[in-house]
C-alpha atoms as a PDB file:
ATOM      1  CA  UNK A   1     -23.953  31.555  24.034  1.00  0.00           C
ATOM      2  CA  UNK A   2     -21.204  33.906  22.935  1.00  0.00           C
ATOM      3  CA  UNK A   3     -20.237  36.567  25.453  1.00  0.00           C
ATOM      4  CA  UNK A   4     -18.641  38.951  22.947  1.00  0.00           C
ATOM      5  CA  UNK A   5     -19.324  39.621  19.245  1.00  0.00           C
ATOM      6  CA  UNK A   6     -15.749  38.528  18.411  1.00  0.00           C
ATOM      7  CA  UNK A   7     -16.565  35.044  19.739  1.00  0.00           C
ATOM      8  CA  UNK A   8     -18.890  34.562  16.787  1.00  0.00           C
ATOM      9  CA  UNK A   9     -16.192  35.141  14.165  1.00  0.00           C
ATOM     10  CA  UNK A  10     -14.644  32.304  12.242  1.00  0.00           C
ATOM     11  CA  UNK A  11     -10.907  31.678  12.751  1.00  0.00           C
ATOM     12  CA  UNK A  12      -8.905  33.980  10.470  1.00  0.00           C
ATOM     13  CA  UNK A  13      -6.575  31.176   9.322  1.00  0.00           C
ATOM     14  CA  UNK A  14      -9.519  29.050   8.192  1.00  0.00           C
ATOM     15  CA  UNK A  15     -11.123  31.963   6.324  1.00  0.00           C
ATOM     16  CA  UNK A  16      -7.788  32.821   4.663  1.00  0.00           C
ATOM     17  CA  UNK A  17      -7.336  29.204   3.527  1.00  0.00           C
ATOM     18  CA  UNK A  18     -10.867  29.036   2.086  1.00  0.00           C
ATOM     19  CA  UNK A  19     -10.374  32.314   0.256  1.00  0.00           C
ATOM     20  CA  UNK A  20      -6.995  31.192  -1.100  1.00  0.00           C
ATOM     21  CA  UNK A  21      -8.517  27.939  -2.408  1.00  0.00           C
ATOM     22  CA  UNK A  22     -11.454  29.799  -4.015  1.00  0.00           C
ATOM     23  CA  UNK A  23      -9.567  32.403  -6.043  1.00  0.00           C
ATOM     24  CA  UNK A  24      -7.090  32.034  -8.915  1.00  0.00           C
ATOM     25  CA  UNK A  25      -3.391  31.917  -8.135  1.00  0.00           C
ATOM     26  CA  UNK A  26      -1.705  35.302  -8.091  1.00  0.00           C
ATOM     27  CA  UNK A  27      -4.772  37.191  -6.859  1.00  0.00           C
ATOM     28  CA  UNK A  28      -4.303  38.959  -3.538  1.00  0.00           C
ATOM     29  CA  UNK A  29      -7.006  39.747  -0.991  1.00  0.00           C
ATOM     30  CA  UNK A  30      -6.567  42.619   1.431  1.00  0.00           C
ATOM     31  CA  UNK A  31      -6.816  42.178   5.174  1.00  0.00           C
ATOM     32  CA  UNK A  32     -10.009  44.264   5.249  1.00  0.00           C
ATOM     33  CA  UNK A  33     -11.587  42.117   2.522  1.00  0.00           C
ATOM     34  CA  UNK A  34     -10.751  38.926   4.450  1.00  0.00           C
ATOM     35  CA  UNK A  35     -12.284  40.457   7.574  1.00  0.00           C
ATOM     36  CA  UNK A  36     -15.443  41.453   5.663  1.00  0.00           C
ATOM     37  CA  UNK A  37     -15.764  37.963   4.176  1.00  0.00           C
ATOM     38  CA  UNK A  38     -15.273  36.433   7.623  1.00  0.00           C
ATOM     39  CA  UNK A  39     -17.982  38.638   9.161  1.00  0.00           C
ATOM     40  CA  UNK A  40     -20.360  37.945   6.262  1.00  0.00           C
ATOM     41  CA  UNK A  41     -19.786  34.205   6.637  1.00  0.00           C
ATOM     42  CA  UNK A  42     -20.418  34.428  10.381  1.00  0.00           C
ATOM     43  CA  UNK A  43     -23.674  36.328   9.822  1.00  0.00           C
ATOM     44  CA  UNK A  44     -24.744  33.777   7.197  1.00  0.00           C
ATOM     45  CA  UNK A  45     -24.002  30.882   9.573  1.00  0.00           C
ATOM     46  CA  UNK A  46     -25.971  32.535  12.385  1.00  0.00           C
ATOM     47  CA  UNK A  47     -28.912  33.213  10.073  1.00  0.00           C
ATOM     48  CA  UNK A  48     -28.870  29.652   8.689  1.00  0.00           C
ATOM     49  CA  UNK A  49     -28.651  28.264  12.223  1.00  0.00           C
ATOM     50  CA  UNK A  50     -31.571  30.385  13.397  1.00  0.00           C
ATOM     51  CA  UNK A  51     -33.744  29.323  10.447  1.00  0.00           C
ATOM     52  CA  UNK A  52     -32.727  25.665  10.927  1.00  0.00           C
ATOM     53  CA  UNK A  53     -33.592  25.919  14.614  1.00  0.00           C
ATOM     54  CA  UNK A  54     -37.058  27.193  13.668  1.00  0.00           C
ATOM     55  CA  UNK A  55     -37.620  24.037  11.591  1.00  0.00           C
ATOM     56  CA  UNK A  56     -36.435  21.868  14.479  1.00  0.00           C
ATOM     57  CA  UNK A  57     -38.762  23.685  16.894  1.00  0.00           C
ATOM     58  CA  UNK A  58     -41.698  23.220  14.488  1.00  0.00           C
ATOM     59  CA  UNK A  59     -40.906  19.514  14.623  1.00  0.00           C
ATOM     60  CA  UNK A  60     -40.866  19.726  18.444  1.00  0.00           C
ATOM     61  CA  UNK A  61     -37.182  18.774  18.556  1.00  0.00           C
ATOM     62  CA  UNK A  62     -34.214  20.362  20.288  1.00  0.00           C
ATOM     63  CA  UNK A  63     -31.636  18.987  17.853  1.00  0.00           C
ATOM     64  CA  UNK A  64     -31.137  20.550  14.432  1.00  0.00           C
ATOM     65  CA  UNK A  65     -30.945  17.867  11.750  1.00  0.00           C
ATOM     66  CA  UNK A  66     -29.412  17.979   8.293  1.00  0.00           C
ATOM     67  CA  UNK A  67     -32.912  18.103   6.809  1.00  0.00           C
ATOM     68  CA  UNK A  68     -33.633  21.206   8.929  1.00  0.00           C
ATOM     69  CA  UNK A  69     -30.602  22.923   7.385  1.00  0.00           C
ATOM     70  CA  UNK A  70     -31.685  21.981   3.867  1.00  0.00           C
ATOM     71  CA  UNK A  71     -35.216  23.219   4.560  1.00  0.00           C
ATOM     72  CA  UNK A  72     -33.751  26.448   5.971  1.00  0.00           C
ATOM     73  CA  UNK A  73     -31.706  26.969   2.788  1.00  0.00           C
ATOM     74  CA  UNK A  74     -34.902  26.693   0.734  1.00  0.00           C
ATOM     75  CA  UNK A  75     -36.722  29.032   3.140  1.00  0.00           C
ATOM     76  CA  UNK A  76     -33.854  31.554   2.941  1.00  0.00           C
ATOM     77  CA  UNK A  77     -34.105  31.388  -0.887  1.00  0.00           C
ATOM     78  CA  UNK A  78     -30.733  29.660  -1.282  1.00  0.00           C
ATOM     79  CA  UNK A  79     -32.168  26.701  -3.210  1.00  0.00           C
ATOM     80  CA  UNK A  80     -29.024  26.520  -5.360  1.00  0.00           C
ATOM     81  CA  UNK A  81     -27.172  25.199  -2.288  1.00  0.00           C
ATOM     82  CA  UNK A  82     -29.622  22.365  -1.585  1.00  0.00           C
ATOM     83  CA  UNK A  83     -28.354  19.868  -4.171  1.00  0.00           C
ATOM     84  CA  UNK A  84     -24.660  20.374  -3.287  1.00  0.00           C
ATOM     85  CA  UNK A  85     -25.569  20.092   0.414  1.00  0.00           C
ATOM     86  CA  UNK A  86     -27.432  16.829  -0.200  1.00  0.00           C
ATOM     87  CA  UNK A  87     -24.470  15.484  -2.189  1.00  0.00           C
ATOM     88  CA  UNK A  88     -22.012  16.428   0.583  1.00  0.00           C
ATOM     89  CA  UNK A  89     -24.314  14.977   3.227  1.00  0.00           C
ATOM     90  CA  UNK A  90     -24.562  11.678   1.357  1.00  0.00           C
ATOM     91  CA  UNK A  91     -20.769  11.549   0.930  1.00  0.00           C
ATOM     92  CA  UNK A  92     -20.303  12.272   4.655  1.00  0.00           C
ATOM     93  CA  UNK A  93     -22.785   9.577   5.672  1.00  0.00           C
ATOM     94  CA  UNK A  94     -21.133   7.087   3.337  1.00  0.00           C
ATOM     95  CA  UNK A  95     -17.692   7.922   4.764  1.00  0.00           C
ATOM     96  CA  UNK A  96     -18.962   7.525   8.347  1.00  0.00           C
ATOM     97  CA  UNK A  97     -20.609   4.193   7.471  1.00  0.00           C
ATOM     98  CA  UNK A  98     -17.337   3.002   5.945  1.00  0.00           C
ATOM     99  CA  UNK A  99     -15.462   3.968   9.118  1.00  0.00           C
ATOM    100  CA  UNK A 100     -18.019   2.182  11.313  1.00  0.00           C
ATOM    101  CA  UNK A 101     -17.901  -0.923   9.119  1.00  0.00           C
ATOM    102  CA  UNK A 102     -14.095  -0.929   9.139  1.00  0.00           C
ATOM    103  CA  UNK A 103     -14.021  -0.580  12.937  1.00  0.00           C
ATOM    104  CA  UNK A 104     -16.622  -3.325  13.334  1.00  0.00           C
ATOM    105  CA  UNK A 105     -14.629  -5.561  10.984  1.00  0.00           C
ATOM    106  CA  UNK A 106     -11.410  -4.804  12.851  1.00  0.00           C
ATOM    107  CA  UNK A 107     -13.078  -5.572  16.194  1.00  0.00           C
ATOM    108  CA  UNK A 108     -14.366  -8.908  14.863  1.00  0.00           C
ATOM    109  CA  UNK A 109     -11.220  -9.597  12.859  1.00  0.00           C
ATOM    110  CA  UNK A 110      -9.518 -12.089  15.113  1.00  0.00           C
ATOM    111  CA  UNK A 111     -11.204 -14.822  17.106  1.00  0.00           C
ATOM    112  CA  UNK A 112      -9.896 -18.000  18.655  1.00  0.00           C
ATOM    113  CA  UNK A 113      -7.632 -19.139  21.461  1.00  0.00           C
ATOM    114  CA  UNK A 114      -3.941 -18.502  21.774  1.00  0.00           C
ATOM    115  CA  UNK A 115      -1.443 -20.095  24.072  1.00  0.00           C
ATOM    116  CA  UNK A 116       2.268 -19.797  24.615  1.00  0.00           C
ATOM    117  CA  UNK A 117       4.206 -22.919  25.555  1.00  0.00           C
ATOM    118  CA  UNK A 118       7.609 -22.692  27.172  1.00  0.00           C
ATOM    119  CA  UNK A 119       9.702 -25.181  25.198  1.00  0.00           C
ATOM    120  CA  UNK A 120      12.073 -25.787  28.120  1.00  0.00           C
ATOM    121  CA  UNK A 121       9.459 -26.671  30.741  1.00  0.00           C
ATOM    122  CA  UNK A 122       6.440 -27.532  28.599  1.00  0.00           C
ATOM    123  CA  UNK A 123       4.285 -25.125  30.654  1.00  0.00           C
ATOM    124  CA  UNK A 124       1.458 -23.535  28.662  1.00  0.00           C
ATOM    125  CA  UNK A 125       0.118 -20.045  29.274  1.00  0.00           C
ATOM    126  CA  UNK A 126      -3.283 -19.228  27.724  1.00  0.00           C
ATOM    127  CA  UNK A 127      -4.377 -15.611  27.616  1.00  0.00           C
ATOM    128  CA  UNK A 128      -7.590 -15.937  25.573  1.00  0.00           C
ATOM    129  CA  UNK A 129      -6.324 -13.626  22.848  1.00  0.00           C
ATOM    130  CA  UNK A 130      -5.720 -14.971  19.372  1.00  0.00           C
ATOM    131  CA  UNK A 131      -2.863 -13.752  17.228  1.00  0.00           C
ATOM    132  CA  UNK A 132      -2.652 -14.280  13.490  1.00  0.00           C
ATOM    133  CA  UNK A 133       0.882 -15.376  12.664  1.00  0.00           C
ATOM    134  CA  UNK A 134       0.215 -16.277   9.046  1.00  0.00           C
ATOM    135  CA  UNK A 135       0.243 -13.836   6.123  1.00  0.00           C
ATOM    136  CA  UNK A 136      -2.759 -15.609   4.597  1.00  0.00           C
ATOM    137  CA  UNK A 137      -6.325 -15.638   5.849  1.00  0.00           C
ATOM    138  CA  UNK A 138      -7.060 -18.994   7.407  1.00  0.00           C
ATOM    139  CA  UNK A 139     -10.255 -20.699   8.461  1.00  0.00           C
ATOM    140  CA  UNK A 140     -10.092 -23.273  11.212  1.00  0.00           C
ATOM    141  CA  UNK A 141      -6.344 -22.796  11.392  1.00  0.00           C
ATOM    142  CA  UNK A 142      -3.920 -24.441  13.757  1.00  0.00           C
ATOM    143  CA  UNK A 143      -0.669 -22.512  13.754  1.00  0.00           C
ATOM    144  CA  UNK A 144       2.169 -23.807  15.840  1.00  0.00           C
ATOM    145  CA  UNK A 145       5.465 -22.021  15.714  1.00  0.00           C
ATOM    146  CA  UNK A 146       8.468 -23.949  16.933  1.00  0.00           C
ATOM    147  CA  UNK A 147      11.046 -21.968  18.856  1.00  0.00           C
ATOM    148  CA  UNK A 148      13.874 -20.671  16.742  1.00  0.00           C
ATOM    149  CA  UNK A 149      17.424 -20.681  18.008  1.00  0.00           C
ATOM    150  CA  UNK A 150      17.676 -18.544  21.126  1.00  0.00           C
ATOM    151  CA  UNK A 151      13.891 -18.523  21.711  1.00  0.00           C
ATOM    152  CA  UNK A 152      12.263 -20.376  24.533  1.00  0.00           C
ATOM    153  CA  UNK A 153       8.556 -20.362  23.745  1.00  0.00           C
ATOM    154  CA  UNK A 154       6.105 -21.888  21.256  1.00  0.00           C
ATOM    155  CA  UNK A 155       2.986 -20.055  20.068  1.00  0.00           C
ATOM    156  CA  UNK A 156      -0.074 -22.155  19.305  1.00  0.00           C
ATOM    157  CA  UNK A 157      -3.153 -20.593  17.733  1.00  0.00           C
ATOM    158  CA  UNK A 158      -6.485 -22.334  17.176  1.00  0.00           C
ATOM    159  CA  UNK A 159      -9.533 -20.618  15.694  1.00  0.00           C
ATOM    160  CA  UNK A 160     -11.005 -18.887  12.661  1.00  0.00           C
ATOM    161  CA  UNK A 161      -9.482 -15.787  11.209  1.00  0.00           C
ATOM    162  CA  UNK A 162     -10.824 -13.289   8.715  1.00  0.00           C
ATOM    163  CA  UNK A 163      -7.990 -10.826   8.582  1.00  0.00           C
ATOM    164  CA  UNK A 164      -8.043  -8.091   5.947  1.00  0.00           C
ATOM    165  CA  UNK A 165      -5.161  -6.123   7.458  1.00  0.00           C
ATOM    166  CA  UNK A 166      -2.158  -5.634   5.177  1.00  0.00           C
ATOM    167  CA  UNK A 167       0.210  -6.133   8.087  1.00  0.00           C
ATOM    168  CA  UNK A 168       0.275  -9.124  10.412  1.00  0.00           C
ATOM    169  CA  UNK A 169       2.653  -9.388  13.317  1.00  0.00           C
ATOM    170  CA  UNK A 170       3.362 -11.338  16.457  1.00  0.00           C
ATOM    171  CA  UNK A 171       4.623  -9.449  19.444  1.00  0.00           C
ATOM    172  CA  UNK A 172       7.594 -11.150  21.062  1.00  0.00           C
ATOM    173  CA  UNK A 173       7.430 -11.651  24.812  1.00  0.00           C
ATOM    174  CA  UNK A 174      10.631 -11.177  26.743  1.00  0.00           C
ATOM    175  CA  UNK A 175      11.592 -13.506  29.612  1.00  0.00           C
ATOM    176  CA  UNK A 176       9.691 -12.630  32.758  1.00  0.00           C
ATOM    177  CA  UNK A 177       6.875 -10.712  30.964  1.00  0.00           C
ATOM    178  CA  UNK A 178       3.271 -11.894  31.056  1.00  0.00           C
ATOM    179  CA  UNK A 179       1.440 -12.666  27.842  1.00  0.00           C
ATOM    180  CA  UNK A 180      -1.011  -9.873  27.043  1.00  0.00           C
END
């Protein structure tokens, strides 16, 4: 809980930015007006939180949900905010789902076995990590890169790849370094 009343205020820079975005260009807002808006917003947030908490407690929960906030807005007679809140909530959930899906896809993006063969000795080092060295998506690919002039290793990749990344790269391994 806040120890001082000032701890409950919103950051002045954030309030100033919101005010600036909400009013037409060329309109100035005094320091006192910004302070009054900040305090009013803080009071509104505390009131909305308290009402939302009441809905959570009625549901025998300790966590306030988005539905509790929407119900609180209706209870506080701010019904005009309910539809925009629902729209923003849906957009937020969709954005979060997209991020989770992208992370899941990225985590499952590369599968297969990779090995590095020293062209001088013929020794093969397998590290269990696959690397896509082709710019195209490949299924059941076998990629073998022959050493170019001055290089002394061969990279062999076997496995299935579903790579949607725009950028594909192979990290070069210097002499004496272990394959990662």
